[in-house]
Amino acid sequence: MRSALTVVGVLAALLSPGTALAQSRGSDSDWPCQQALVPTLTAPTVWSGPSPEGIGDWHSEATVAALVGRIAPRSVPTPEGETAIEQFTRGIEGGRKRLITLAFAGLLDETNRQRNEVIQRIKALAERQRNLATLVARLTTELDQTPEPADATSAAAAQRTDLVQRWTYTSRAYNELQRTMRYACEVPGQLDARLGAYARALEAGLS
């Protein structure tokens, strides 16, 4: 148990706000992921077509809004979205550049909205993880200061058993949350990659 407690103690220190680890990932000390925090994507990072600035509201174009609504959800596989984009660009009869640029603007907006939701969720998970690490550290100290009684049937033995069970439950919750965090930290990058693929498919329709 002692080696496990040591590991949890180290993790608790790493997850504390203001540590060198947090600072190395950016100025936001709530960000726990190894991946750099990019709060908002901008058009130039993935788009080489016409600027979407000042082009209008993509919601006002029915065909554009329908495309965005169809392929923006996270559950839509990238190849399926690319196919829908190809169908969309083939069906344009007039105002090609504007409609395609509006489609990109819509996908950028929706991707940033989804990314923001994920980022806030990750920060909430990080706060919960720090709280669990603090609790595990406190329970560890209590265990270290509570010798195992010689009489296994005594009240002191029952108290120590309860303490061990609480430590085990909390440690398990911490480890499960760590696995969830690893998955969640991949999501912003996955959304970025999908937007890049969508942008390239839209750009192909500009010519």
Protein backbone atom coordinates (compact mmCIF):
# COMPACT_ATOMS: atom_id res chain seq x y z
CA MET A 1 0.00 0.00 0.00
CA ARG A 2 2.86 2.35 0.80
CA SER A 3 4.13 2.49 -2.82
CA ALA A 4 0.61 3.26 -4.06
CA LEU A 5 0.28 6.02 -1.49
CA THR A 6 3.56 7.51 -2.64
CA VAL A 7 2.37 7.56 -6.25
CA VAL A 8 -0.87 9.27 -5.27
CA GLY A 9 1.07 11.81 -3.23
CA VAL A 10 3.25 12.68 -6.20
CA LEU A 11 0.20 13.02 -8.44
CA ALA A 12 -1.47 15.26 -5.90
CA ALA A 13 1.55 17.54 -5.96
CA LEU A 14 1.62 17.62 -9.74
CA LEU A 15 -2.05 18.53 -9.89
CA SER A 16 -1.78 21.42 -7.45
CA PRO A 17 -2.40 24.87 -8.96
CA GLY A 18 0.70 26.88 -9.75
CA THR A 19 3.10 23.95 -10.13
CA ALA A 20 5.83 23.87 -12.75
CA LEU A 21 3.88 21.21 -14.64
CA ALA A 22 0.84 23.45 -14.99
CA GLN A 23 3.03 26.41 -15.90
CA SER A 24 4.75 24.41 -18.64
CA ARG A 25 1.35 23.81 -20.29
CA GLY A 26 0.38 27.45 -20.38
CA SER A 27 -0.79 30.23 -18.10
CA ASP A 28 -4.03 28.45 -17.14
CA SER A 29 -3.17 26.53 -13.98
CA ASP A 30 -6.48 24.61 -14.19
CA TRP A 31 -5.37 22.86 -17.37
CA PRO A 32 -4.21 19.31 -16.55
CA CYS A 33 -3.51 17.89 -20.02
CA GLN A 34 -0.11 17.32 -21.61
CA GLN A 35 -1.56 18.79 -24.81
CA ALA A 36 -1.23 22.57 -24.96
CA LEU A 37 -4.38 24.51 -24.14
CA VAL A 38 -5.75 26.32 -27.21
CA PRO A 39 -8.96 27.99 -25.97
CA THR A 40 -10.26 29.03 -29.40
CA LEU A 41 -9.46 28.03 -32.97
CA THR A 42 -9.12 30.81 -35.53
CA ALA A 43 -9.79 30.49 -39.25
CA PRO A 44 -6.16 30.92 -40.42
CA THR A 45 -5.04 27.89 -38.40
CA VAL A 46 -6.97 25.49 -40.65
CA TRP A 47 -8.39 27.51 -43.54
CA SER A 48 -6.68 28.93 -46.64
CA GLY A 49 -9.85 30.04 -48.42
CA PRO A 50 -11.55 33.45 -48.33
CA SER A 51 -11.76 35.11 -44.94
CA PRO A 52 -15.06 34.41 -43.14
CA GLU A 53 -14.88 37.81 -41.44
CA GLY A 54 -17.84 40.00 -42.34
CA ILE A 55 -19.29 37.45 -44.72
CA GLY A 56 -22.60 37.22 -42.90
CA ASP A 57 -24.52 34.83 -40.68
CA TRP A 58 -24.20 31.22 -41.77
CA HIS A 59 -27.49 30.43 -40.03
CA SER A 60 -29.34 32.53 -42.59
CA GLU A 61 -28.44 30.20 -45.48
CA ALA A 62 -30.67 27.14 -45.27
CA THR A 63 -28.37 24.80 -47.19
CA VAL A 64 -25.35 25.88 -45.15
CA ALA A 65 -27.17 25.55 -41.84
CA ALA A 66 -28.39 22.11 -42.86
CA LEU A 67 -24.87 20.97 -43.73
CA VAL A 68 -23.42 22.27 -40.49
CA GLY A 69 -26.22 20.73 -38.47
CA ARG A 70 -25.65 17.40 -40.20
CA ILE A 71 -21.88 17.04 -39.90
CA ALA A 72 -20.86 19.16 -36.89
CA PRO A 73 -22.01 16.79 -34.10
CA ARG A 74 -19.11 14.90 -32.49
CA SER A 75 -20.78 11.57 -33.25
CA VAL A 76 -20.40 12.09 -37.03
CA PRO A 77 -17.33 10.29 -38.44
CA THR A 78 -14.97 12.47 -40.45
CA PRO A 79 -15.35 10.48 -43.72
CA GLU A 80 -19.14 10.82 -43.50
CA GLY A 81 -18.79 14.57 -43.06
CA GLU A 82 -16.37 14.83 -45.97
CA THR A 83 -18.82 12.99 -48.22
CA ALA A 84 -21.60 15.38 -47.20
CA ILE A 85 -19.34 18.34 -48.00
CA GLU A 86 -18.58 16.97 -51.45
CA GLN A 87 -22.30 16.58 -52.11
CA PHE A 88 -22.90 20.11 -50.85
CA THR A 89 -20.24 21.71 -53.04
CA ARG A 90 -21.39 19.79 -56.11
CA GLY A 91 -24.92 21.07 -55.64
CA ILE A 92 -24.00 24.77 -55.50
CA GLU A 93 -25.25 26.69 -58.53
CA GLY A 94 -24.36 30.28 -57.64
CA GLY A 95 -22.36 32.21 -55.05
CA ARG A 96 -19.97 29.29 -54.63
CA LYS A 97 -17.21 31.05 -52.69
CA ARG A 98 -19.61 32.75 -50.32
CA LEU A 99 -21.60 29.61 -49.52
CA ILE A 100 -18.51 27.48 -49.03
CA THR A 101 -16.93 30.14 -46.83
CA LEU A 102 -20.14 30.40 -44.82
CA ALA A 103 -20.09 26.62 -44.39
CA PHE A 104 -16.57 26.82 -43.02
CA ALA A 105 -17.59 29.66 -40.69
CA GLY A 106 -20.43 27.52 -39.36
CA LEU A 107 -18.20 24.52 -38.80
CA LEU A 108 -15.62 26.71 -37.09
CA ASP A 109 -18.27 28.16 -34.77
CA GLU A 110 -19.66 24.74 -33.89
CA THR A 111 -16.22 23.24 -33.38
CA ASN A 112 -15.24 26.06 -31.04
CA ARG A 113 -18.50 25.64 -29.12
CA GLN A 114 -17.86 21.92 -28.70
CA ARG A 115 -14.23 22.51 -27.76
CA ASN A 116 -15.25 25.02 -25.11
CA GLU A 117 -17.67 22.52 -23.58
CA VAL A 118 -14.96 19.86 -23.52
CA ILE A 119 -12.37 22.25 -22.07
CA GLN A 120 -14.72 23.29 -19.26
CA ARG A 121 -15.47 19.62 -18.57
CA ILE A 122 -11.74 18.84 -18.41
CA LYS A 123 -11.18 21.69 -15.94
CA ALA A 124 -14.03 20.40 -13.79
CA LEU A 125 -12.51 16.92 -13.85
CA ALA A 126 -9.14 18.38 -12.88
CA GLU A 127 -10.67 20.15 -9.88
CA ARG A 128 -12.36 16.94 -8.77
CA GLN A 129 -9.11 15.06 -9.25
CA ARG A 130 -7.20 17.56 -7.11
CA ASN A 131 -9.84 17.22 -4.39
CA LEU A 132 -9.56 13.42 -4.51
CA ALA A 133 -5.77 13.61 -4.35
CA THR A 134 -6.01 15.84 -1.29
CA LEU A 135 -8.43 13.41 0.33
CA VAL A 136 -6.21 10.42 -0.42
CA ALA A 137 -3.22 12.26 1.06
CA ARG A 138 -5.22 13.00 4.24
CA LEU A 139 -6.39 9.40 4.54
CA THR A 140 -2.82 8.23 3.99
CA THR A 141 -1.63 10.36 6.89
CA GLU A 142 -4.40 9.00 9.10
CA LEU A 143 -3.46 5.42 8.19
CA ASP A 144 0.20 6.06 8.92
CA GLN A 145 -0.75 7.43 12.31
CA THR A 146 -3.15 4.58 13.13
CA PRO A 147 -1.26 1.41 14.11
CA GLU A 148 -2.87 -1.90 13.39
CA PRO A 149 -4.38 -3.20 16.68
CA ALA A 150 -3.37 -6.57 18.01
CA ASP A 151 -7.02 -7.43 18.72
CA ALA A 152 -8.75 -7.78 15.34
CA THR A 153 -12.16 -7.63 17.03
CA SER A 154 -11.60 -4.38 18.88
CA ALA A 155 -13.25 -1.05 18.12
CA ALA A 156 -9.85 0.30 17.06
CA ALA A 157 -9.52 -2.52 14.53
CA ALA A 158 -12.96 -1.74 13.12
CA GLN A 159 -12.04 1.92 12.89
CA ARG A 160 -8.84 1.13 11.00
CA THR A 161 -10.69 -1.24 8.65
CA ASP A 162 -13.14 1.54 7.84
CA LEU A 163 -10.22 3.89 7.17
CA VAL A 164 -8.61 1.39 4.82
CA GLN A 165 -11.88 0.93 2.95
CA ARG A 166 -12.27 4.68 2.56
CA TRP A 167 -8.69 4.95 1.28
CA THR A 168 -9.28 2.11 -1.20
CA TYR A 169 -12.54 3.60 -2.50
CA THR A 170 -11.06 7.08 -2.87
CA SER A 171 -7.91 5.78 -4.58
CA ARG A 172 -10.01 3.76 -7.02
CA ALA A 173 -12.12 6.83 -7.80
CA TYR A 174 -8.94 8.81 -8.40
CA ASN A 175 -7.54 6.20 -10.79
CA GLU A 176 -10.83 5.92 -12.70
CA LEU A 177 -10.93 9.69 -13.05
CA GLN A 178 -7.35 9.65 -14.32
CA ARG A 179 -8.38 7.27 -17.11
CA THR A 180 -11.33 9.49 -17.98
CA MET A 181 -9.02 12.50 -18.04
CA ARG A 182 -6.64 10.84 -20.49
CA TYR A 183 -9.53 10.25 -22.89
CA ALA A 184 -10.99 13.73 -22.42
CA CYS A 185 -7.64 15.37 -23.08
CA GLU A 186 -7.60 13.82 -26.57
CA VAL A 187 -10.96 15.26 -27.59
CA PRO A 188 -9.93 18.86 -28.45
CA GLY A 189 -7.21 17.55 -30.75
CA GLN A 190 -9.66 15.17 -32.40
CA LEU A 191 -12.05 18.05 -33.02
CA ASP A 192 -9.19 20.13 -34.45
CA ALA A 193 -8.20 17.33 -36.83
CA ARG A 194 -11.76 16.83 -38.01
CA LEU A 195 -12.22 20.56 -38.66
CA GLY A 196 -9.00 20.52 -40.66
CA ALA A 197 -10.33 17.66 -42.79
CA TYR A 198 -13.61 19.49 -43.31
CA ALA A 199 -11.76 22.66 -44.27
CA ARG A 200 -9.71 20.82 -46.90
CA ALA A 201 -12.87 19.24 -48.34
CA LEU A 202 -14.51 22.66 -48.56
CA GLU A 203 -11.41 24.21 -50.12
CA ALA A 204 -11.45 21.51 -52.78
CA GLY A 205 -14.89 22.73 -53.79
CA LEU A 206 -13.72 26.32 -54.30
CA SER A 207 -12.01 25.53 -57.59
